Protein backbone atom coordinates (compact mmCIF):
# COMPACT_ATOMS: atom_id res chain seq x y z
CA LYS A 1 126.53 331.42 63.66
CA PHE A 2 130.22 332.22 63.48
CA ARG A 3 132.59 334.08 65.77
CA ALA A 4 135.98 335.61 65.02
CA ASP A 5 138.37 337.55 67.22
CA GLY A 6 141.92 338.83 66.88
CA TRP A 7 143.94 341.30 64.90
CA LEU A 8 145.60 341.88 61.52
CA ALA A 9 148.47 344.30 60.77
CA MET A 10 150.38 345.28 57.62
CA PRO A 11 153.87 346.53 58.52
CA GLN A 12 155.43 347.22 55.11
CA ASP A 13 154.98 344.15 52.85
CA ASP A 14 154.09 341.52 55.46
CA ILE A 15 150.58 340.75 56.66
CA ASP A 16 150.73 339.71 60.31
CA MET A 17 147.71 338.11 61.97
CA ASP A 18 146.44 336.36 65.06
CA ILE A 19 142.80 335.40 64.50
CA SER A 20 140.69 332.79 66.26
CA PHE A 21 137.30 331.59 65.05
CA SER A 22 134.54 329.27 66.19
CA ALA A 23 131.04 328.06 65.48
CA PRO A 24 130.09 326.61 68.86
CA GLN A 25 127.55 323.76 68.85
CA SER A 26 125.78 324.78 65.65
CA ASP A 27 123.01 323.22 63.56
CA PHE A 28 124.30 320.45 61.26
CA LYS A 29 121.99 321.69 58.50
CA SER A 30 123.97 324.91 58.17
CA LEU A 31 127.22 322.94 57.71
CA LEU A 32 125.60 320.63 55.15
CA SER A 33 124.59 323.64 53.05
CA LEU A 34 128.30 324.23 52.29
CA VAL A 35 128.71 320.83 50.62
CA PRO A 36 128.63 320.94 46.78
CA ASN A 37 125.26 319.70 45.40
CA ALA A 38 123.77 319.61 48.91
CA TYR A 39 122.37 323.16 48.82
CA THR A 40 119.53 322.72 46.34
CA GLN A 41 116.48 324.76 45.47
CA GLY A 42 113.99 324.43 48.33
CA TYR A 43 116.77 323.64 50.83
CA GLU A 44 114.65 325.16 53.59
CA ASN A 45 112.40 322.08 53.32
CA VAL A 46 115.24 319.61 53.87
CA LYS A 47 114.92 317.80 57.19
CA ALA A 48 118.22 317.65 59.08
CA ASN A 49 119.20 316.89 62.65
CA GLY A 50 122.47 316.86 64.54
CA THR A 51 125.10 319.36 65.55
CA PHE A 52 128.62 320.33 64.66
CA LYS A 53 131.35 322.26 66.45
CA LEU A 54 134.05 324.15 64.60
CA ASP A 55 136.97 326.15 65.98
CA GLY A 56 140.51 327.10 65.09
CA PHE A 57 143.01 329.86 64.55
CA VAL A 58 145.30 331.47 61.98
CA LYS A 59 148.49 332.94 63.44
CA GLY A 60 151.67 334.24 61.85
CA THR A 61 152.82 336.12 58.76
CA TYR A 62 151.74 336.01 55.13
CA ASN A 63 153.79 337.29 52.22
CA ASP A 64 154.02 336.15 48.61
CA SER A 65 157.62 337.33 48.13
CA PRO A 66 159.48 335.89 49.93
CA GLU A 67 156.86 333.21 50.41
CA LYS A 68 155.53 333.02 53.97
CA TYR A 69 152.37 331.50 55.37
CA PRO A 70 150.83 331.69 58.83
CA GLY A 71 150.22 328.63 60.93
CA PHE A 72 146.66 327.42 61.32
CA ASN A 73 144.60 324.87 63.17
CA ILE A 74 141.06 323.68 62.36
CA ASN A 75 138.97 321.37 64.56
CA LEU A 76 135.63 319.99 63.37
CA VAL A 77 133.30 317.58 65.19
CA ILE A 78 129.97 316.36 63.79
CA ASN A 79 127.53 314.57 66.08
CA ASN A 80 124.50 312.48 65.08
CA GLY A 81 123.81 314.15 61.75
CA ASP A 82 120.78 313.07 59.72
CA VAL A 83 119.44 314.47 56.45
CA GLN A 84 116.34 313.75 54.39
CA TYR A 85 115.53 315.57 51.15
CA PRO A 86 111.78 316.06 50.61
CA ASP A 87 111.83 314.82 46.99
CA LEU A 88 114.01 311.75 47.70
CA PRO A 89 112.74 308.51 49.31
CA LEU A 90 115.82 307.69 51.41
CA GLY A 91 118.04 309.63 53.81
CA ILE A 92 121.57 309.68 55.20
CA SER A 93 121.76 309.04 58.94
CA GLY A 94 124.26 308.56 61.75
CA ILE A 95 126.73 311.10 60.38
CA ASN A 96 129.61 311.42 62.86
CA ALA A 97 133.11 312.77 62.31
CA SER A 98 136.06 314.20 64.18
CA MET A 99 138.76 316.05 62.21
CA VAL A 100 141.86 318.12 62.99
CA ILE A 101 144.01 319.94 60.44
CA ASN A 102 147.14 321.48 61.91
CA SER A 103 149.84 323.40 60.05
CA PRO A 104 152.42 325.14 62.27
CA GLY A 105 153.74 327.56 59.63
CA SER A 106 155.15 328.10 56.15
CA ASP A 107 156.43 324.53 55.82
CA PHE A 108 153.32 322.67 54.68
CA ASP A 109 155.27 319.43 54.99
CA GLN A 110 154.67 319.73 58.73
CA MET A 111 150.90 319.81 58.22
CA LEU A 112 148.87 317.01 59.79
CA VAL A 113 145.40 315.95 58.62
CA ASP A 114 143.79 313.66 61.16
CA ILE A 115 140.23 312.39 60.73
CA THR A 116 140.12 310.15 63.77
CA LYS A 117 136.69 308.82 62.86
CA PHE A 118 133.91 309.17 60.36
CA SER A 119 130.74 307.17 59.95
CA MET A 120 127.37 307.37 58.25
CA LYS A 121 124.57 305.23 56.96
CA ILE A 122 123.33 305.77 53.40
CA GLY A 123 119.92 304.18 53.17
CA SER A 124 120.37 300.91 55.07
CA ASN A 125 124.13 300.50 54.63
CA PRO A 126 126.82 301.76 57.06
CA ILE A 127 130.23 303.18 56.15
CA GLU A 128 132.96 303.98 58.68
CA GLY A 129 136.66 304.59 58.91
CA TYR A 130 139.50 306.98 59.68
CA PHE A 131 142.21 308.87 57.77
CA LYS A 132 145.58 310.33 58.79
CA LEU A 133 148.10 312.14 56.58
CA ARG A 134 151.59 313.32 57.61
CA THR A 135 154.46 314.94 55.64
CA PRO A 136 152.18 315.59 52.63
CA ILE A 137 154.81 317.40 50.54
CA SER A 138 158.07 315.46 50.91
CA ASP A 139 156.81 311.93 51.55
CA PRO A 140 153.03 311.46 52.01
CA ASP A 141 152.53 309.15 54.99
CA VAL A 142 149.02 307.70 54.91
CA ASP A 143 147.19 305.64 57.52
CA THR A 144 143.57 304.99 56.64
CA LYS A 145 140.81 302.42 56.88
CA ILE A 146 137.41 302.39 55.20
CA LYS A 147 134.84 299.67 55.75
CA GLY A 148 131.27 299.50 54.58
CA VAL A 149 128.71 298.89 51.90
CA LEU A 150 127.66 301.47 49.32
CA ASN A 151 124.50 300.70 47.41
CA LEU A 152 124.67 303.10 44.46
CA GLU A 153 120.93 302.89 43.85
CA GLU A 154 120.26 303.93 47.45
CA LEU A 155 122.84 306.73 47.17
CA GLY A 156 120.92 308.15 44.23
CA LYS A 157 117.76 308.02 46.31
CA ALA A 158 119.34 309.76 49.32
CA PHE A 159 121.53 312.58 47.91
CA PRO A 160 120.79 314.96 45.01
CA MET A 161 123.08 314.57 41.99
CA ASP A 162 122.46 316.87 39.04
CA GLY A 163 122.64 315.18 35.66
CA VAL A 164 122.59 311.64 37.05
CA THR A 165 119.48 309.74 36.02
CA ALA A 166 120.20 306.25 37.39
CA LEU A 167 122.77 304.42 39.50
CA THR A 168 123.01 300.68 40.04
CA GLY A 169 125.39 298.29 41.76
CA ILE A 170 126.73 297.60 45.23
CA VAL A 171 130.28 298.25 46.43
CA ASN A 172 131.37 296.20 49.44
CA ALA A 173 134.73 297.39 50.77
CA ASP A 174 137.13 296.69 53.62
CA VAL A 175 140.27 298.69 52.82
CA SER A 176 143.25 299.61 54.98
CA ILE A 177 146.41 301.42 53.90
CA LYS A 178 149.42 302.28 56.03
CA THR A 179 152.50 303.31 54.12
CA LYS A 180 154.73 306.14 52.86
CA MET A 181 155.05 307.18 49.24
CA SER A 182 158.83 306.68 49.41
CA THR A 183 158.32 303.02 50.36
CA VAL A 184 156.19 302.50 47.25
CA ASP A 185 158.54 304.48 45.00
CA ARG A 186 161.57 302.33 45.87
CA GLY A 187 159.57 299.14 45.36
CA ASP A 188 159.85 297.99 48.96
CA TYR A 189 156.48 296.26 48.79
CA ALA A 190 157.24 293.98 51.74
CA ASN A 191 156.86 297.06 53.95
CA VAL A 192 153.78 298.43 52.19
CA ASN A 193 150.82 297.63 54.43
CA ILE A 194 147.80 297.55 52.12
CA VAL A 195 144.81 295.28 52.59
CA LEU A 196 142.11 295.44 49.93
CA CYS A 197 138.92 293.48 50.18
CA CYS A 198 136.54 295.10 47.75
CA TYR A 199 134.03 293.78 45.27
CA PHE A 200 131.37 295.29 43.08
CA VAL A 201 128.04 293.65 42.35
CA ARG A 202 126.18 294.96 39.34
CA LYS A 203 122.45 294.82 39.81
């Protein structure tokens, strides 16, 4: 289910718009179907629980010469998502996420990507974290943390992957990064906040 409301006008070469959209409290299974590889043959038999809420707007002017882009805002919240494919022995559970993408206009350097939280459990192993990106064009400013265990064998038993016959190994990660690209480029590593605790066990 999807709603849209607003208007679009084409005075001469510009395309002006003010459009809002939403998918209020919808079935998580319908969102999952948009993920590459997730929508497989027999998808109607996939067991999925949970909800998601999506809303946002596109407002402003588009033109390719001179280059103009409208501002936009996208909000996505996923609550208590679970999925189990009928031909796979394991599932993915506890899928939760909260994301905002905001771009006020033609200057994409002002765009903010803010995933305040994400978490899931693949098989028996949890993964959680957050991600924030500012000034993505001029000087990418990243603040992120990812912590969890990824058992590749369990991943292969929980999510369909065409062409992959076998996966083995365990990745145990506790990673945090908080820095700007300019800080790295000038070699100011004393002010680069990166903590990596990651190891791979081959089974």
